[in-house]
Amino acid sequence: MRKTLGSYLKQVRKDKNLTLRAVEEKTEVSNAYLSQLETGKINNPSPVVLHKLADCYKIPYERLMELAGYPVPETATMEKEKLQSPAFRSSSGFDDLTKEEKERVMEFIQFLRSRRLKK
């Protein structure tokens, strides 16, 4: 079964042990709206809302855009596949990083990609 935007957002929020109210505080998106996203009552939120959630959850913005039905540049998809390939992982030296360090590295990579895509 294909993962929906709502189920993905709910899973990520729960994995990070966040309540809807905590996400509301961090993103300034109302918890009622967040609840409607998670239950599938809203399927196509604005890119601005998706960006806030990606920042809050430390997840790829492109993934949320894709799940919401927005077109995602092919280069973003190709770059994501490169990062997930075994060759990248085995030669990257990520094995000795803490979870927090890995998250920061991924944030930096996302930042670099966003700068490249704006050019």
N, C-alpha and C. Protein backbone atom coordinates (compact mmCIF):
# COMPACT_ATOMS: atom_id res chain seq x y z
N MET A 1 0.84 -1.19 0.00
CA MET A 1 0.00 0.00 0.00
C MET A 1 0.88 1.25 0.00
N ARG A 2 0.51 2.22 -0.79
CA ARG A 2 1.28 3.46 -0.90
C ARG A 2 1.05 4.32 0.34
N LYS A 3 2.13 4.86 0.87
CA LYS A 3 2.05 5.71 2.05
C LYS A 3 1.43 7.06 1.68
N THR A 4 0.51 7.52 2.51
CA THR A 4 -0.12 8.82 2.29
C THR A 4 0.64 9.89 3.05
N LEU A 5 0.43 11.13 2.65
CA LEU A 5 1.06 12.25 3.35
C LEU A 5 0.68 12.23 4.83
N GLY A 6 -0.61 12.06 5.10
CA GLY A 6 -1.08 12.09 6.48
C GLY A 6 -0.48 11.00 7.35
N SER A 7 -0.46 9.77 6.84
CA SER A 7 0.10 8.68 7.64
C SER A 7 1.60 8.86 7.84
N TYR A 8 2.28 9.39 6.83
CA TYR A 8 3.72 9.64 6.95
C TYR A 8 3.98 10.71 8.02
N LEU A 9 3.24 11.81 7.97
CA LEU A 9 3.43 12.89 8.94
C LEU A 9 3.15 12.39 10.36
N LYS A 10 2.10 11.62 10.51
CA LYS A 10 1.76 11.10 11.83
C LYS A 10 2.85 10.17 12.35
N GLN A 11 3.35 9.31 11.48
CA GLN A 11 4.41 8.38 11.88
C GLN A 11 5.67 9.13 12.31
N VAL A 12 6.07 10.12 11.53
CA VAL A 12 7.28 10.89 11.85
C VAL A 12 7.09 11.63 13.17
N ARG A 13 5.93 12.25 13.35
CA ARG A 13 5.67 12.99 14.59
C ARG A 13 5.75 12.06 15.80
N LYS A 14 5.14 10.90 15.69
CA LYS A 14 5.16 9.95 16.81
C LYS A 14 6.57 9.40 17.04
N ASP A 15 7.32 9.15 15.96
CA ASP A 15 8.70 8.68 16.09
C ASP A 15 9.57 9.69 16.84
N LYS A 16 9.23 10.97 16.70
CA LYS A 16 10.00 12.02 17.36
C LYS A 16 9.40 12.39 18.71
N ASN A 17 8.39 11.63 19.13
CA ASN A 17 7.72 11.85 20.43
C ASN A 17 7.21 13.28 20.59
N LEU A 18 6.56 13.78 19.55
CA LEU A 18 6.01 15.13 19.59
C LEU A 18 4.48 15.07 19.60
N THR A 19 3.88 15.98 20.33
CA THR A 19 2.42 16.11 20.29
C THR A 19 2.06 17.11 19.20
N LEU A 20 0.78 17.12 18.83
CA LEU A 20 0.32 18.11 17.85
C LEU A 20 0.53 19.53 18.37
N ARG A 21 0.33 19.71 19.66
CA ARG A 21 0.54 21.05 20.24
C ARG A 21 2.01 21.46 20.19
N ALA A 22 2.92 20.53 20.40
CA ALA A 22 4.35 20.85 20.32
C ALA A 22 4.74 21.23 18.89
N VAL A 23 4.18 20.52 17.92
CA VAL A 23 4.46 20.85 16.51
C VAL A 23 3.87 22.22 16.18
N GLU A 24 2.69 22.49 16.71
CA GLU A 24 2.06 23.80 16.51
C GLU A 24 2.97 24.92 17.02
N GLU A 25 3.53 24.73 18.20
CA GLU A 25 4.42 25.74 18.77
C GLU A 25 5.65 25.97 17.92
N LYS A 26 6.20 24.89 17.36
CA LYS A 26 7.43 25.00 16.57
C LYS A 26 7.18 25.54 15.16
N THR A 27 6.00 25.28 14.61
CA THR A 27 5.75 25.62 13.20
C THR A 27 4.77 26.76 13.00
N GLU A 28 4.00 27.08 14.04
CA GLU A 28 2.92 28.07 13.95
C GLU A 28 1.82 27.62 13.00
N VAL A 29 1.68 26.30 12.84
CA VAL A 29 0.58 25.70 12.09
C VAL A 29 -0.36 25.13 13.14
N SER A 30 -1.64 25.49 13.08
CA SER A 30 -2.56 25.07 14.15
C SER A 30 -2.65 23.56 14.28
N ASN A 31 -2.84 23.12 15.53
CA ASN A 31 -2.93 21.69 15.76
C ASN A 31 -4.16 21.09 15.09
N ALA A 32 -5.21 21.87 14.93
CA ALA A 32 -6.41 21.38 14.23
C ALA A 32 -6.08 21.10 12.76
N TYR A 33 -5.33 22.00 12.14
CA TYR A 33 -4.92 21.80 10.75
C TYR A 33 -3.99 20.59 10.64
N LEU A 34 -3.05 20.47 11.57
CA LEU A 34 -2.13 19.34 11.58
C LEU A 34 -2.90 18.02 11.72
N SER A 35 -3.91 18.02 12.57
CA SER A 35 -4.74 16.83 12.76
C SER A 35 -5.45 16.46 11.46
N GLN A 36 -5.98 17.46 10.77
CA GLN A 36 -6.66 17.21 9.50
C GLN A 36 -5.69 16.69 8.44
N LEU A 37 -4.45 17.16 8.48
CA LEU A 37 -3.43 16.62 7.58
C LEU A 37 -3.19 15.14 7.87
N GLU A 38 -3.01 14.83 9.13
CA GLU A 38 -2.69 13.46 9.53
C GLU A 38 -3.84 12.48 9.26
N THR A 39 -5.07 12.96 9.35
CA THR A 39 -6.22 12.07 9.12
C THR A 39 -6.63 12.02 7.65
N GLY A 40 -5.98 12.82 6.81
CA GLY A 40 -6.28 12.79 5.38
C GLY A 40 -7.42 13.69 4.95
N LYS A 41 -7.94 14.49 5.85
CA LYS A 41 -9.00 15.43 5.47
C LYS A 41 -8.45 16.54 4.60
N ILE A 42 -7.16 16.85 4.77
CA ILE A 42 -6.45 17.79 3.91
C ILE A 42 -5.33 17.01 3.26
N ASN A 43 -5.30 16.99 1.94
CA ASN A 43 -4.31 16.20 1.22
C ASN A 43 -3.28 17.04 0.47
N ASN A 44 -3.58 18.30 0.28
CA ASN A 44 -2.71 19.12 -0.56
C ASN A 44 -2.38 20.44 0.13
N PRO A 45 -1.62 20.40 1.24
CA PRO A 45 -1.27 21.64 1.94
C PRO A 45 -0.30 22.47 1.11
N SER A 46 -0.17 23.71 1.48
CA SER A 46 0.73 24.60 0.73
C SER A 46 2.19 24.19 0.93
N PRO A 47 3.02 24.51 -0.05
CA PRO A 47 4.46 24.23 0.11
C PRO A 47 5.05 24.91 1.35
N VAL A 48 4.52 26.05 1.74
CA VAL A 48 5.02 26.75 2.92
C VAL A 48 4.79 25.89 4.17
N VAL A 49 3.61 25.31 4.30
CA VAL A 49 3.31 24.44 5.44
C VAL A 49 4.21 23.22 5.40
N LEU A 50 4.38 22.63 4.23
CA LEU A 50 5.25 21.46 4.10
C LEU A 50 6.69 21.78 4.48
N HIS A 51 7.14 22.96 4.12
CA HIS A 51 8.51 23.36 4.45
C HIS A 51 8.67 23.50 5.96
N LYS A 52 7.69 24.10 6.61
CA LYS A 52 7.73 24.24 8.08
C LYS A 52 7.79 22.87 8.75
N LEU A 53 6.98 21.93 8.25
CA LEU A 53 6.96 20.59 8.83
C LEU A 53 8.26 19.86 8.57
N ALA A 54 8.82 20.01 7.37
CA ALA A 54 10.10 19.36 7.05
C ALA A 54 11.19 19.88 7.99
N ASP A 55 11.19 21.18 8.23
CA ASP A 55 12.18 21.76 9.15
C ASP A 55 11.97 21.24 10.57
N CYS A 56 10.74 21.20 11.01
CA CYS A 56 10.43 20.76 12.36
C CYS A 56 10.82 19.30 12.58
N TYR A 57 10.49 18.46 11.60
CA TYR A 57 10.73 17.02 11.73
C TYR A 57 12.11 16.59 11.24
N LYS A 58 12.84 17.53 10.65
CA LYS A 58 14.18 17.21 10.11
C LYS A 58 14.09 16.08 9.06
N ILE A 59 13.16 16.27 8.13
CA ILE A 59 12.96 15.30 7.06
C ILE A 59 13.05 16.03 5.72
N PRO A 60 13.27 15.30 4.63
CA PRO A 60 13.40 15.96 3.32
C PRO A 60 12.11 16.64 2.87
N TYR A 61 12.23 17.90 2.57
CA TYR A 61 11.12 18.70 2.05
C TYR A 61 10.57 18.07 0.76
N GLU A 62 11.48 17.58 -0.08
CA GLU A 62 11.07 16.99 -1.36
C GLU A 62 10.13 15.81 -1.14
N ARG A 63 10.37 15.03 -0.09
CA ARG A 63 9.52 13.87 0.19
C ARG A 63 8.10 14.31 0.51
N LEU A 64 7.96 15.37 1.30
CA LEU A 64 6.63 15.88 1.63
C LEU A 64 5.94 16.44 0.39
N MET A 65 6.70 17.15 -0.42
CA MET A 65 6.13 17.70 -1.66
C MET A 65 5.62 16.57 -2.55
N GLU A 66 6.40 15.52 -2.65
CA GLU A 66 6.02 14.37 -3.48
C GLU A 66 4.74 13.71 -2.95
N LEU A 67 4.68 13.49 -1.64
CA LEU A 67 3.51 12.85 -1.04
C LEU A 67 2.26 13.73 -1.17
N ALA A 68 2.44 15.05 -1.21
CA ALA A 68 1.32 15.98 -1.35
C ALA A 68 0.88 16.12 -2.80
N GLY A 69 1.62 15.49 -3.72
CA GLY A 69 1.22 15.53 -5.12
C GLY A 69 1.84 16.64 -5.93
N TYR A 70 2.81 17.34 -5.36
CA TYR A 70 3.50 18.38 -6.10
C TYR A 70 4.62 17.78 -6.95
N PRO A 71 4.89 18.37 -8.10
CA PRO A 71 6.01 17.85 -8.90
C PRO A 71 7.33 18.11 -8.19
N VAL A 72 8.19 17.12 -8.22
CA VAL A 72 9.51 17.23 -7.60
C VAL A 72 10.53 17.12 -8.71
N PRO A 73 11.50 18.05 -8.77
CA PRO A 73 12.51 17.98 -9.83
C PRO A 73 13.22 16.63 -9.83
N GLU A 74 13.47 16.11 -11.01
CA GLU A 74 14.12 14.81 -11.13
C GLU A 74 15.48 14.80 -10.46
N THR A 75 16.19 15.92 -10.48
CA THR A 75 17.52 15.96 -9.86
C THR A 75 17.42 15.71 -8.37
N ALA A 76 16.38 16.19 -7.72
CA ALA A 76 16.22 15.96 -6.28
C ALA A 76 16.00 14.48 -6.01
N THR A 77 15.22 13.82 -6.85
CA THR A 77 14.99 12.39 -6.68
C THR A 77 16.26 11.61 -6.91
N MET A 78 17.03 11.98 -7.94
CA MET A 78 18.28 11.29 -8.23
C MET A 78 19.28 11.47 -7.10
N GLU A 79 19.39 12.67 -6.55
CA GLU A 79 20.31 12.93 -5.46
C GLU A 79 19.93 12.11 -4.23
N LYS A 80 18.63 12.01 -3.96
CA LYS A 80 18.17 11.23 -2.81
C LYS A 80 18.56 9.76 -2.98
N GLU A 81 18.41 9.23 -4.19
CA GLU A 81 18.78 7.84 -4.45
C GLU A 81 20.29 7.64 -4.27
N LYS A 82 21.09 8.61 -4.67
CA LYS A 82 22.54 8.51 -4.49
C LYS A 82 22.89 8.41 -3.01
N LEU A 83 22.23 9.23 -2.19
CA LEU A 83 22.51 9.22 -0.75
C LEU A 83 22.10 7.91 -0.10
N GLN A 84 21.11 7.26 -0.65
CA GLN A 84 20.63 6.03 -0.06
C GLN A 84 21.34 4.79 -0.61
N SER A 85 22.18 4.97 -1.60
CA SER A 85 22.84 3.81 -2.19
C SER A 85 23.89 3.24 -1.23
N PRO A 86 24.08 1.92 -1.25
CA PRO A 86 25.06 1.29 -0.35
C PRO A 86 26.47 1.84 -0.55
N ALA A 87 26.84 2.19 -1.77
CA ALA A 87 28.19 2.71 -2.03
C ALA A 87 28.43 4.00 -1.26
N PHE A 88 27.42 4.86 -1.21
CA PHE A 88 27.57 6.11 -0.49
C PHE A 88 27.73 5.83 1.00
N ARG A 89 26.88 4.98 1.52
CA ARG A 89 26.93 4.69 2.95
C ARG A 89 28.25 4.03 3.36
N SER A 90 28.73 3.09 2.58
CA SER A 90 29.92 2.35 3.00
C SER A 90 31.19 3.20 2.93
N SER A 91 31.23 4.18 2.05
CA SER A 91 32.44 4.97 1.92
C SER A 91 32.33 6.33 2.61
N SER A 92 31.24 6.59 3.27
CA SER A 92 31.01 7.93 3.80
C SER A 92 31.60 8.17 5.18
N GLY A 93 31.85 7.11 5.93
CA GLY A 93 32.33 7.30 7.28
C GLY A 93 31.22 7.68 8.25
N PHE A 94 29.96 7.45 7.88
CA PHE A 94 28.82 7.78 8.73
C PHE A 94 28.68 6.82 9.91
N ASP A 95 29.31 5.68 9.83
CA ASP A 95 29.10 4.64 10.84
C ASP A 95 29.46 5.10 12.25
N ASP A 96 30.45 5.96 12.39
CA ASP A 96 30.90 6.36 13.73
C ASP A 96 30.25 7.66 14.21
N LEU A 97 29.27 8.18 13.47
CA LEU A 97 28.59 9.40 13.89
C LEU A 97 27.42 9.06 14.80
N THR A 98 27.11 9.98 15.70
CA THR A 98 25.92 9.82 16.54
C THR A 98 24.69 10.13 15.69
N LYS A 99 23.52 9.79 16.21
CA LYS A 99 22.27 10.08 15.51
C LYS A 99 22.14 11.58 15.25
N GLU A 100 22.47 12.38 16.25
CA GLU A 100 22.38 13.85 16.11
C GLU A 100 23.34 14.35 15.04
N GLU A 101 24.56 13.83 15.02
CA GLU A 101 25.53 14.23 14.01
C GLU A 101 25.07 13.85 12.61
N LYS A 102 24.49 12.67 12.46
CA LYS A 102 23.96 12.25 11.16
C LYS A 102 22.85 13.18 10.71
N GLU A 103 21.97 13.57 11.64
CA GLU A 103 20.88 14.49 11.31
C GLU A 103 21.43 15.83 10.85
N ARG A 104 22.46 16.31 11.52
CA ARG A 104 23.06 17.59 11.13
C ARG A 104 23.72 17.52 9.76
N VAL A 105 24.38 16.41 9.47
CA VAL A 105 24.99 16.22 8.16
C VAL A 105 23.91 16.24 7.08
N MET A 106 22.81 15.53 7.34
CA MET A 106 21.72 15.49 6.37
C MET A 106 21.08 16.86 6.19
N GLU A 107 20.95 17.63 7.26
CA GLU A 107 20.43 18.99 7.17
C GLU A 107 21.33 19.84 6.28
N PHE A 108 22.63 19.70 6.47
CA PHE A 108 23.58 20.47 5.68
C PHE A 108 23.50 20.08 4.21
N ILE A 109 23.37 18.79 3.95
CA ILE A 109 23.23 18.32 2.57
C ILE A 109 21.96 18.89 1.94
N GLN A 110 20.87 18.90 2.70
CA GLN A 110 19.63 19.47 2.19
C GLN A 110 19.80 20.96 1.90
N PHE A 111 20.50 21.66 2.77
CA PHE A 111 20.76 23.07 2.57
C PHE A 111 21.55 23.29 1.26
N LEU A 112 22.60 22.50 1.06
CA LEU A 112 23.40 22.63 -0.16
C LEU A 112 22.56 22.34 -1.40
N ARG A 113 21.70 21.33 -1.34
CA ARG A 113 20.83 21.03 -2.47
C ARG A 113 19.88 22.18 -2.77
N SER A 114 19.31 22.75 -1.72
CA SER A 114 18.35 23.84 -1.93
C SER A 114 19.03 25.03 -2.59
N ARG A 115 20.28 25.30 -2.24
CA ARG A 115 21.01 26.39 -2.88
C ARG A 115 21.26 26.10 -4.34
N ARG A 116 21.60 24.84 -4.65
CA ARG A 116 21.87 24.46 -6.03
C ARG A 116 20.61 24.52 -6.88
N LEU A 117 19.48 24.10 -6.32
CA LEU A 117 18.23 24.09 -7.07
C LEU A 117 17.71 25.50 -7.33
N LYS A 118 18.10 26.47 -6.50
CA LYS A 118 17.66 27.86 -6.69
C LYS A 118 18.39 28.55 -7.83
N LYS A 119 19.57 28.03 -8.18
CA LYS A 119 20.38 28.67 -9.21
C LYS A 119 19.82 28.52 -10.58
